[in-house]
Amino acid sequence: MKTKLELQSKYLYHIDWEIFPVFLLFILSFKIYYLIPLPGSLGINANVILPMLMCDLLLLLWATRTISWLKKAYYGTYYTFLIFFLILEIFYTAFSYPDEPIFNAVKEFSTYTLLLSYFIFWKYGCKNYNKLLNFVVNSSSFLALLFVIQGVLYNLWEITFLQYPGFSYGQINLDFRNDRIRLVACDLISYTSILSMGRLLSKTATQKEKKWSAINIFLVFLYESYISQTRSMLLILLGVFVLTIIFAGIKNKKMYYLLILMILAITCIVVPFLIDFFNKVVDSLIYRTDWSVYHRFDSYAYYLSIMREKSIFGIGLLNDVPTVSQYFNLVHGKAGYGYSDVGFIGVLGKLGITGAAFYLFPIAVTFKRTIRSFIHKKVDSMNLAIFLCMCFSMLNLSMFDAQRMVVLAIFMAVSDISYAQNVQKNTAFYRIS
């Protein structure tokens, strides 16, 4: 008979303690203040501040113990040069706008440190790749379902159980679109379905993993179509899903029939929404009826003109709300949109050609890995899906935005591990202390 202490020790031994850093980052990045109200105005800004502080703290704690594992990461050199460039941007911003406090530029710089969460996800994923994907996908599914339930309850009976001031980027009043409540949650919910798409078509994933991936994809499409109603995000997901299926190739009959059923179900959800969306786009281009659409085209033109004037460093690290009011247009554009809403063109305007090169590098890496996987006849569907998503995001939703940097960090980590596992077959890659 085992003693109570022995049983407790055995139970604690089997707990996966290494997932806690990943868990903390996820909880914070998923905007916990939707469920738990935070004091003062902290809840409105928590989507960036709390994950950023946790990421920096974890890396500092690990660096004091050992940095040997950091040197093994593929993107280690990339991050070194990126941080050096951003420090140059601080000085560039200070000299270009002497009336602006330099501390504001430092705050803008600090948001980019959230990209360093790549090391945290990569470190855990090297040892527990499938557990990392399971955690990401299942967390996304739970929250997508939670928001669908909240949306249905409000639309039918005006019942709320989430903290609505967090919705729609901190607005106090609820947002509505198409005569329904619009709840905009963390971008992680939508973008993690990209990983589900890659795993659904993977030859190494188990049937159980593929089943949960299929559920996640369906819930995310449901959430995007009727709850978030972020039209550009829905188009990105649909484009990635269709093209990944086409290029990855399906030989397994069961998987083929499953995908047919999923496509039919998603079509029933998405098509009415897309018809309405394309009608609004046409009307906006002709009659300028939908502000959300036509102002984006204005923003494209504006940030291209900014890039021509400030080619190397862009407008710099100006704060989102500049002290000098005349700089407000430089940050948000004449159309009233932030640079992150117009994808790659926004990055060119914000960080110039140099910053755009750092934006393009992860895309080029995933493209190279995808092509090599095709050459070796070991199609890496995960890198394919990530590459397609990054390309589509260049058109509208910038991955260099503070809201989505943690997504880019996860994509880069998963891309590394998937390529090493499926194409390189590199077992030494996983020997992280």
Foldseek 3Di string as FASTA:
>chain_A
DDDPVVVVVVVVVPDPVLCVLVVQLVCQCQQVCQQPPDPDCCSLVSNQVVSLVSLVVVVVVVVVVPCVLLVLAPCSVLVVVVLVLLVVLLVVLCVVCVVFDSVLSVVLSSLLSSLVCLSSLLLVCLQPVVVSLCVLLVVLLVVLVVQVVQQVCCLVPNDHNTDPCNFPSRNPDFDDDPSTTAGATFPSSLLSLLLLLLLLLAPPHDPVSVVSSLSSLLSNLLSCQHHNVPPLSNVLSVVLNVVLPVVSDDDDPVSVVVVVVSVVSSCVRPVVSVVVVVVVLVCCVVVVPDLVRPLLVQQLVQLVVQCVVVAAFASGSAHCCTPDNVCNCLQANPSRHGLQFAALSSQCNHGHPVSSVSLCVLLVVLVVLQVLCVVVVQHSSSSSSLNSSSVSSNGGGYCSDSSNSNVVSNSSSSSVSSSCVRPVVDSVSSPRD
